[in-house]
Amino acid sequence: MNQSGANVSILSTVTVGSGEVRISGMAAPGANVTVNGAPVGIHPDGTWSVTLSVGHGRTVLTVAAVSATGSSRSSSSITVNG
């Protein structure tokens, strides 16, 4: 993976309970990752995972990453059912 880019991707979503979804993925190591604007911790290898509360019905989750240098951006979206 390009260390200077953002390169975010969603690898999986799992319903973990009523109204909760776990979403995980990868980004370039050192990137700043957000899900629907909220910061997400990223591991040194670029993997990340977060559990979110979602409302009933469809919810669009948008994952965005900005490279450590701020020069590259990437985003991906997925729709989940709460």
PDB file of N, CA and C in Angstrom:
ATOM      1  N   MET A   1       0.841  -1.182   0.000  1.00  0.00           N
ATOM      2  CA  MET A   1       0.000   0.000   0.000  1.00  0.00           C
ATOM      3  C   MET A   1       0.883   1.241   0.000  1.00  0.00           C
ATOM      4  N   ASN A   2       0.477   2.273  -0.664  1.00  0.00           N
ATOM      5  CA  ASN A   2       1.234   3.507  -0.752  1.00  0.00           C
ATOM      6  C   ASN A   2       1.215   4.226   0.594  1.00  0.00           C
ATOM      7  N   GLN A   3       2.357   4.369   1.226  1.00  0.00           N
ATOM      8  CA  GLN A   3       2.448   4.985   2.546  1.00  0.00           C
ATOM      9  C   GLN A   3       2.041   6.458   2.517  1.00  0.00           C
ATOM     10  N   SER A   4       2.165   7.145   1.395  1.00  0.00           N
ATOM     11  CA  SER A   4       1.845   8.565   1.356  1.00  0.00           C
ATOM     12  C   SER A   4       0.401   8.836   0.977  1.00  0.00           C
ATOM     13  N   GLY A   5      -0.347   7.804   0.556  1.00  0.00           N
ATOM     14  CA  GLY A   5      -1.729   7.990   0.162  1.00  0.00           C
ATOM     15  C   GLY A   5      -2.685   7.737   1.303  1.00  0.00           C
ATOM     16  N   ALA A   6      -3.979   7.753   0.994  1.00  0.00           N
ATOM     17  CA  ALA A   6      -5.004   7.504   1.991  1.00  0.00           C
ATOM     18  C   ALA A   6      -5.574   6.093   1.813  1.00  0.00           C
ATOM     19  N   ASN A   7      -6.014   5.744   0.605  1.00  0.00           N
ATOM     20  CA  ASN A   7      -6.431   4.396   0.228  1.00  0.00           C
ATOM     21  C   ASN A   7      -7.354   3.689   1.213  1.00  0.00           C
ATOM     22  N   VAL A   8      -8.452   4.280   1.587  1.00  0.00           N
ATOM     23  CA  VAL A   8      -9.349   3.648   2.563  1.00  0.00           C
ATOM     24  C   VAL A   8     -10.268   2.647   1.878  1.00  0.00           C
ATOM     25  N   SER A   9     -10.543   1.542   2.566  1.00  0.00           N
ATOM     26  CA  SER A   9     -11.510   0.575   2.063  1.00  0.00           C
ATOM     27  C   SER A   9     -12.255  -0.047   3.241  1.00  0.00           C
ATOM     28  N   ILE A  10     -13.501  -0.433   2.971  1.00  0.00           N
ATOM     29  CA  ILE A  10     -14.333  -1.121   3.953  1.00  0.00           C
ATOM     30  C   ILE A  10     -14.210  -2.609   3.668  1.00  0.00           C
ATOM     31  N   LEU A  11     -13.799  -3.380   4.672  1.00  0.00           N
ATOM     32  CA  LEU A  11     -13.629  -4.811   4.480  1.00  0.00           C
ATOM     33  C   LEU A  11     -14.831  -5.613   4.961  1.00  0.00           C
ATOM     34  N   SER A  12     -15.488  -5.158   6.036  1.00  0.00           N
ATOM     35  CA  SER A  12     -16.644  -5.907   6.526  1.00  0.00           C
ATOM     36  C   SER A  12     -17.540  -5.054   7.402  1.00  0.00           C
ATOM     37  N   THR A  13     -18.794  -5.467   7.461  1.00  0.00           N
ATOM     38  CA  THR A  13     -19.750  -4.919   8.427  1.00  0.00           C
ATOM     39  C   THR A  13     -20.450  -6.102   9.068  1.00  0.00           C
ATOM     40  N   VAL A  14     -20.687  -6.010  10.367  1.00  0.00           N
ATOM     41  CA  VAL A  14     -21.332  -7.083  11.119  1.00  0.00           C
ATOM     42  C   VAL A  14     -22.331  -6.450  12.065  1.00  0.00           C
ATOM     43  N   THR A  15     -23.560  -6.963  12.078  1.00  0.00           N
ATOM     44  CA  THR A  15     -24.544  -6.518  13.052  1.00  0.00           C
ATOM     45  C   THR A  15     -24.198  -7.192  14.368  1.00  0.00           C
ATOM     46  N   VAL A  16     -23.930  -6.389  15.405  1.00  0.00           N
ATOM     47  CA  VAL A  16     -23.496  -6.941  16.682  1.00  0.00           C
ATOM     48  C   VAL A  16     -24.578  -6.880  17.747  1.00  0.00           C
ATOM     49  N   GLY A  17     -25.682  -6.252  17.452  1.00  0.00           N
ATOM     50  CA  GLY A  17     -26.784  -6.160  18.391  1.00  0.00           C
ATOM     51  C   GLY A  17     -27.848  -5.266  17.808  1.00  0.00           C
ATOM     52  N   SER A  18     -28.921  -5.137  18.524  1.00  0.00           N
ATOM     53  CA  SER A  18     -30.001  -4.285  18.059  1.00  0.00           C
ATOM     54  C   SER A  18     -29.502  -2.854  17.922  1.00  0.00           C
ATOM     55  N   GLY A  19     -29.459  -2.369  16.704  1.00  0.00           N
ATOM     56  CA  GLY A  19     -29.045  -0.995  16.453  1.00  0.00           C
ATOM     57  C   GLY A  19     -27.552  -0.762  16.498  1.00  0.00           C
ATOM     58  N   GLU A  20     -26.727  -1.834  16.491  1.00  0.00           N
ATOM     59  CA  GLU A  20     -25.286  -1.667  16.490  1.00  0.00           C
ATOM     60  C   GLU A  20     -24.648  -2.432  15.328  1.00  0.00           C
ATOM     61  N   VAL A  21     -23.665  -1.795  14.717  1.00  0.00           N
ATOM     62  CA  VAL A  21     -22.951  -2.385  13.591  1.00  0.00           C
ATOM     63  C   VAL A  21     -21.462  -2.192  13.819  1.00  0.00           C
ATOM     64  N   ARG A  22     -20.676  -3.233  13.551  1.00  0.00           N
ATOM     65  CA  ARG A  22     -19.212  -3.120  13.578  1.00  0.00           C
ATOM     66  C   ARG A  22     -18.747  -3.040  12.136  1.00  0.00           C
ATOM     67  N   ILE A  23     -17.979  -2.029  11.844  1.00  0.00           N
ATOM     68  CA  ILE A  23     -17.438  -1.832  10.504  1.00  0.00           C
ATOM     69  C   ILE A  23     -15.917  -1.833  10.624  1.00  0.00           C
ATOM     70  N   SER A  24     -15.257  -2.510   9.691  1.00  0.00           N
ATOM     71  CA  SER A  24     -13.800  -2.556   9.739  1.00  0.00           C
ATOM     72  C   SER A  24     -13.242  -2.417   8.336  1.00  0.00           C
ATOM     73  N   GLY A  25     -11.979  -2.049   8.275  1.00  0.00           N
ATOM     74  CA  GLY A  25     -11.360  -1.871   6.976  1.00  0.00           C
ATOM     75  C   GLY A  25      -9.884  -1.586   7.080  1.00  0.00           C
ATOM     76  N   MET A  26      -9.361  -1.042   5.991  1.00  0.00           N
ATOM     77  CA  MET A  26      -7.940  -0.716   5.894  1.00  0.00           C
ATOM     78  C   MET A  26      -7.772   0.672   5.295  1.00  0.00           C
ATOM     79  N   ALA A  27      -6.684   1.297   5.677  1.00  0.00           N
ATOM     80  CA  ALA A  27      -6.268   2.570   5.088  1.00  0.00           C
ATOM     81  C   ALA A  27      -4.749   2.554   5.071  1.00  0.00           C
ATOM     82  N   ALA A  28      -4.177   3.508   4.402  1.00  0.00           N
ATOM     83  CA  ALA A  28      -2.720   3.604   4.396  1.00  0.00           C
ATOM     84  C   ALA A  28      -2.242   3.852   5.824  1.00  0.00           C
ATOM     85  N   PRO A  29      -1.197   3.162   6.256  1.00  0.00           N
ATOM     86  CA  PRO A  29      -0.654   3.416   7.590  1.00  0.00           C
ATOM     87  C   PRO A  29      -0.369   4.905   7.790  1.00  0.00           C
ATOM     88  N   GLY A  30      -0.776   5.428   8.944  1.00  0.00           N
ATOM     89  CA  GLY A  30      -0.562   6.842   9.248  1.00  0.00           C
ATOM     90  C   GLY A  30      -1.687   7.752   8.812  1.00  0.00           C
ATOM     91  N   ALA A  31      -2.651   7.242   8.047  1.00  0.00           N
ATOM     92  CA  ALA A  31      -3.776   8.074   7.596  1.00  0.00           C
ATOM     93  C   ALA A  31      -4.684   8.415   8.777  1.00  0.00           C
ATOM     94  N   ASN A  32      -5.429   9.487   8.644  1.00  0.00           N
ATOM     95  CA  ASN A  32      -6.458   9.865   9.611  1.00  0.00           C
ATOM     96  C   ASN A  32      -7.789   9.395   9.053  1.00  0.00           C
ATOM     97  N   VAL A  33      -8.476   8.508   9.785  1.00  0.00           N
ATOM     98  CA  VAL A  33      -9.711   7.890   9.312  1.00  0.00           C
ATOM     99  C   VAL A  33     -10.893   8.404  10.134  1.00  0.00           C
ATOM    100  N   THR A  34     -12.009   8.663   9.441  1.00  0.00           N
ATOM    101  CA  THR A  34     -13.258   9.030  10.104  1.00  0.00           C
ATOM    102  C   THR A  34     -14.391   8.185   9.535  1.00  0.00           C
ATOM    103  N   VAL A  35     -15.407   7.944  10.366  1.00  0.00           N
ATOM    104  CA  VAL A  35     -16.643   7.320   9.912  1.00  0.00           C
ATOM    105  C   VAL A  35     -17.754   8.308  10.234  1.00  0.00           C
ATOM    106  N   ASN A  36     -18.443   8.771   9.205  1.00  0.00           N
ATOM    107  CA  ASN A  36     -19.465   9.808   9.333  1.00  0.00           C
ATOM    108  C   ASN A  36     -18.949  10.999  10.134  1.00  0.00           C
ATOM    109  N   GLY A  37     -17.683  11.352   9.907  1.00  0.00           N
ATOM    110  CA  GLY A  37     -17.081  12.528  10.520  1.00  0.00           C
ATOM    111  C   GLY A  37     -16.432  12.304  11.874  1.00  0.00           C
ATOM    112  N   ALA A  38     -16.650  11.146  12.504  1.00  0.00           N
ATOM    113  CA  ALA A  38     -16.064  10.860  13.818  1.00  0.00           C
ATOM    114  C   ALA A  38     -14.733  10.133  13.644  1.00  0.00           C
ATOM    115  N   PRO A  39     -13.690  10.579  14.350  1.00  0.00           N
ATOM    116  CA  PRO A  39     -12.370   9.941  14.207  1.00  0.00           C
ATOM    117  C   PRO A  39     -12.387   8.479  14.649  1.00  0.00           C
ATOM    118  N   VAL A  40     -11.617   7.668  13.952  1.00  0.00           N
ATOM    119  CA  VAL A  40     -11.484   6.241  14.239  1.00  0.00           C
ATOM    120  C   VAL A  40     -10.007   5.949  14.439  1.00  0.00           C
ATOM    121  N   GLY A  41      -9.687   5.175  15.473  1.00  0.00           N
ATOM    122  CA  GLY A  41      -8.301   4.779  15.704  1.00  0.00           C
ATOM    123  C   GLY A  41      -7.840   3.820  14.616  1.00  0.00           C
ATOM    124  N   ILE A  42      -6.607   3.986  14.188  1.00  0.00           N
ATOM    125  CA  ILE A  42      -6.051   3.143  13.144  1.00  0.00           C
ATOM    126  C   ILE A  42      -4.791   2.466  13.690  1.00  0.00           C
ATOM    127  N   HIS A  43      -4.665   1.178  13.432  1.00  0.00           N
ATOM    128  CA  HIS A  43      -3.499   0.417  13.882  1.00  0.00           C
ATOM    129  C   HIS A  43      -2.303   0.716  12.978  1.00  0.00           C
ATOM    130  N   PRO A  44      -1.072   0.448  13.454  1.00  0.00           N
ATOM    131  CA  PRO A  44       0.120   0.735  12.640  1.00  0.00           C
ATOM    132  C   PRO A  44       0.111   0.075  11.260  1.00  0.00           C
ATOM    133  N   ASP A  45      -0.580  -1.066  11.129  1.00  0.00           N
ATOM    134  CA  ASP A  45      -0.629  -1.737   9.821  1.00  0.00           C
ATOM    135  C   ASP A  45      -1.723  -1.187   8.909  1.00  0.00           C
ATOM    136  N   GLY A  46      -2.473  -0.188   9.380  1.00  0.00           N
ATOM    137  CA  GLY A  46      -3.519   0.443   8.573  1.00  0.00           C
ATOM    138  C   GLY A  46      -4.909  -0.106   8.808  1.00  0.00           C
ATOM    139  N   THR A  47      -5.059  -1.170   9.602  1.00  0.00           N
ATOM    140  CA  THR A  47      -6.390  -1.710   9.872  1.00  0.00           C
ATOM    141  C   THR A  47      -7.109  -0.848  10.902  1.00  0.00           C
ATOM    142  N   TRP A  48      -8.428  -0.854  10.827  1.00  0.00           N
ATOM    143  CA  TRP A  48      -9.244  -0.116  11.774  1.00  0.00           C
ATOM    144  C   TRP A  48     -10.564  -0.849  11.951  1.00  0.00           C
ATOM    145  N   SER A  49     -11.252  -0.595  13.065  1.00  0.00           N
ATOM    146  CA  SER A  49     -12.550  -1.194  13.346  1.00  0.00           C
ATOM    147  C   SER A  49     -13.261  -0.317  14.361  1.00  0.00           C
ATOM    148  N   VAL A  50     -14.566  -0.188  14.203  1.00  0.00           N
ATOM    149  CA  VAL A  50     -15.350   0.621  15.125  1.00  0.00           C
ATOM    150  C   VAL A  50     -16.770   0.052  15.198  1.00  0.00           C
ATOM    151  N   THR A  51     -17.363   0.096  16.381  1.00  0.00           N
ATOM    152  CA  THR A  51     -18.758  -0.304  16.569  1.00  0.00           C
ATOM    153  C   THR A  51     -19.589   0.963  16.710  1.00  0.00           C
ATOM    154  N   LEU A  52     -20.664   1.047  15.932  1.00  0.00           N
ATOM    155  CA  LEU A  52     -21.496   2.249  15.892  1.00  0.00           C
ATOM    156  C   LEU A  52     -22.949   1.917  16.190  1.00  0.00           C
ATOM    157  N   SER A  53     -23.619   2.860  16.822  1.00  0.00           N
ATOM    158  CA  SER A  53     -25.067   2.768  16.961  1.00  0.00           C
ATOM    159  C   SER A  53     -25.684   3.322  15.687  1.00  0.00           C
ATOM    160  N   VAL A  54     -26.675   2.609  15.168  1.00  0.00           N
ATOM    161  CA  VAL A  54     -27.374   3.072  13.972  1.00  0.00           C
ATOM    162  C   VAL A  54     -28.863   3.068  14.250  1.00  0.00           C
ATOM    163  N   GLY A  55     -29.582   3.939  13.578  1.00  0.00           N
ATOM    164  CA  GLY A  55     -31.021   4.008  13.754  1.00  0.00           C
ATOM    165  C   GLY A  55     -31.722   2.873  13.038  1.00  0.00           C
ATOM    166  N   HIS A  56     -33.020   2.792  13.239  1.00  0.00           N
ATOM    167  CA  HIS A  56     -33.817   1.794  12.531  1.00  0.00           C
ATOM    168  C   HIS A  56     -33.874   2.159  11.055  1.00  0.00           C
ATOM    169  N   GLY A  57     -33.900   1.167  10.219  1.00  0.00           N
ATOM    170  CA  GLY A  57     -33.922   1.401   8.776  1.00  0.00           C
ATOM    171  C   GLY A  57     -32.529   1.573   8.228  1.00  0.00           C
ATOM    172  N   ARG A  58     -32.447   2.155   7.051  1.00  0.00           N
ATOM    173  CA  ARG A  58     -31.171   2.300   6.361  1.00  0.00           C
ATOM    174  C   ARG A  58     -30.356   3.463   6.909  1.00  0.00           C
ATOM    175  N   THR A  59     -29.056   3.211   7.046  1.00  0.00           N
ATOM    176  CA  THR A  59     -28.106   4.243   7.462  1.00  0.00           C
ATOM    177  C   THR A  59     -26.905   4.166   6.532  1.00  0.00           C
ATOM    178  N   VAL A  60     -26.506   5.298   5.992  1.00  0.00           N
ATOM    179  CA  VAL A  60     -25.321   5.355   5.142  1.00  0.00           C
ATOM    180  C   VAL A  60     -24.124   5.684   6.026  1.00  0.00           C
ATOM    181  N   LEU A  61     -23.095   4.839   5.962  1.00  0.00           N
ATOM    182  CA  LEU A  61     -21.845   5.078   6.675  1.00  0.00           C
ATOM    183  C   LEU A  61     -20.787   5.465   5.652  1.00  0.00           C
ATOM    184  N   THR A  62     -20.185   6.616   5.856  1.00  0.00           N
ATOM    185  CA  THR A  62     -19.140   7.090   4.952  1.00  0.00           C
ATOM    186  C   THR A  62     -17.820   7.098   5.694  1.00  0.00           C
ATOM    187  N   VAL A  63     -16.878   6.349   5.171  1.00  0.00           N
ATOM    188  CA  VAL A  63     -15.537   6.276   5.735  1.00  0.00           C
ATOM    189  C   VAL A  63     -14.636   7.144   4.870  1.00  0.00           C
ATOM    190  N   ALA A  64     -13.890   8.018   5.526  1.00  0.00           N
ATOM    191  CA  ALA A  64     -12.966   8.893   4.797  1.00  0.00           C
ATOM    192  C   ALA A  64     -11.588   8.792   5.432  1.00  0.00           C
ATOM    193  N   ALA A  65     -10.578   8.955   4.620  1.00  0.00           N
ATOM    194  CA  ALA A  65      -9.204   8.959   5.110  1.00  0.00           C
ATOM    195  C   ALA A  65      -8.443  10.095   4.450  1.00  0.00           C
ATOM    196  N   VAL A  66      -7.565  10.687   5.231  1.00  0.00           N
ATOM    197  CA  VAL A  66      -6.660  11.719   4.735  1.00  0.00           C
ATOM    198  C   VAL A  66      -5.257  11.245   5.075  1.00  0.00           C
ATOM    199  N   SER A  67      -4.373  11.289   4.097  1.00  0.00           N
ATOM    200  CA  SER A  67      -3.002  10.830   4.322  1.00  0.00           C
ATOM    201  C   SER A  67      -2.344  11.645   5.428  1.00  0.00           C
ATOM    202  N   ALA A  68      -1.296  11.087   6.003  1.00  0.00           N
ATOM    203  CA  ALA A  68      -0.573  11.753   7.086  1.00  0.00           C
ATOM    204  C   ALA A  68      -0.066  13.125   6.662  1.00  0.00           C
ATOM    205  N   THR A  69       0.255  13.295   5.380  1.00  0.00           N
ATOM    206  CA  THR A  69       0.753  14.582   4.880  1.00  0.00           C
ATOM    207  C   THR A  69      -0.377  15.534   4.489  1.00  0.00           C
ATOM    208  N   GLY A  70      -1.621  15.009   4.433  1.00  0.00           N
ATOM    209  CA  GLY A  70      -2.757  15.828   4.030  1.00  0.00           C
ATOM    210  C   GLY A  70      -2.888  15.997   2.532  1.00  0.00           C
ATOM    211  N   SER A  71      -2.032  15.337   1.770  1.00  0.00           N
ATOM    212  CA  SER A  71      -2.025  15.536   0.320  1.00  0.00           C
ATOM    213  C   SER A  71      -2.927  14.573  -0.446  1.00  0.00           C
ATOM    214  N   SER A  72      -3.443  13.548   0.225  1.00  0.00           N
ATOM    215  CA  SER A  72      -4.262  12.550  -0.457  1.00  0.00           C
ATOM    216  C   SER A  72      -5.501  12.246   0.373  1.00  0.00           C
ATOM    217  N   ARG A  73      -6.637  12.096  -0.320  1.00  0.00           N
ATOM    218  CA  ARG A  73      -7.894  11.790   0.349  1.00  0.00           C
ATOM    219  C   ARG A  73      -8.562  10.608  -0.356  1.00  0.00           C
ATOM    220  N   SER A  74      -9.308   9.829   0.425  1.00  0.00           N
ATOM    221  CA  SER A  74     -10.022   8.688  -0.131  1.00  0.00           C
ATOM    222  C   SER A  74     -11.287   8.504   0.685  1.00  0.00           C
ATOM    223  N   SER A  75     -12.348   8.012   0.065  1.00  0.00           N
ATOM    224  CA  SER A  75     -13.571   7.728   0.820  1.00  0.00           C
ATOM    225  C   SER A  75     -14.315   6.555   0.206  1.00  0.00           C
ATOM    226  N   SER A  76     -15.150   5.959   1.047  1.00  0.00           N
ATOM    227  CA  SER A  76     -15.968   4.826   0.638  1.00  0.00           C
ATOM    228  C   SER A  76     -17.230   4.862   1.491  1.00  0.00           C
ATOM    229  N   SER A  77     -18.354   4.433   0.926  1.00  0.00           N
ATOM    230  CA  SER A  77     -19.614   4.429   1.673  1.00  0.00           C
ATOM    231  C   SER A  77     -20.275   3.064   1.579  1.00  0.00           C
ATOM    232  N   ILE A  78     -21.075   2.778   2.597  1.00  0.00           N
ATOM    233  CA  ILE A  78     -21.846   1.542   2.634  1.00  0.00           C
ATOM    234  C   ILE A  78     -23.167   1.856   3.328  1.00  0.00           C
ATOM    235  N   THR A  79     -24.236   1.191   2.887  1.00  0.00           N
ATOM    236  CA  THR A  79     -25.539   1.345   3.538  1.00  0.00           C
ATOM    237  C   THR A  79     -25.810   0.103   4.376  1.00  0.00           C
ATOM    238  N   VAL A  80     -26.179   0.320   5.647  1.00  0.00           N
ATOM    239  CA  VAL A  80     -26.496  -0.788   6.552  1.00  0.00           C
ATOM    240  C   VAL A  80     -27.928  -0.624   7.029  1.00  0.00           C
ATOM    241  N   ASN A  81     -28.504  -1.710   7.488  1.00  0.00           N
ATOM    242  CA  ASN A  81     -29.851  -1.680   8.044  1.00  0.00           C
ATOM    243  C   ASN A  81     -29.785  -1.861   9.547  1.00  0.00           C
ATOM    244  N   GLY A  82     -30.371  -0.902  10.280  1.00  0.00           N
ATOM    245  CA  GLY A  82     -30.351  -0.959  11.739  1.00  0.00           C
ATOM    246  C   GLY A  82     -31.586  -1.591  12.287  1.00  0.00           C
TER     247      GLY A  82
END
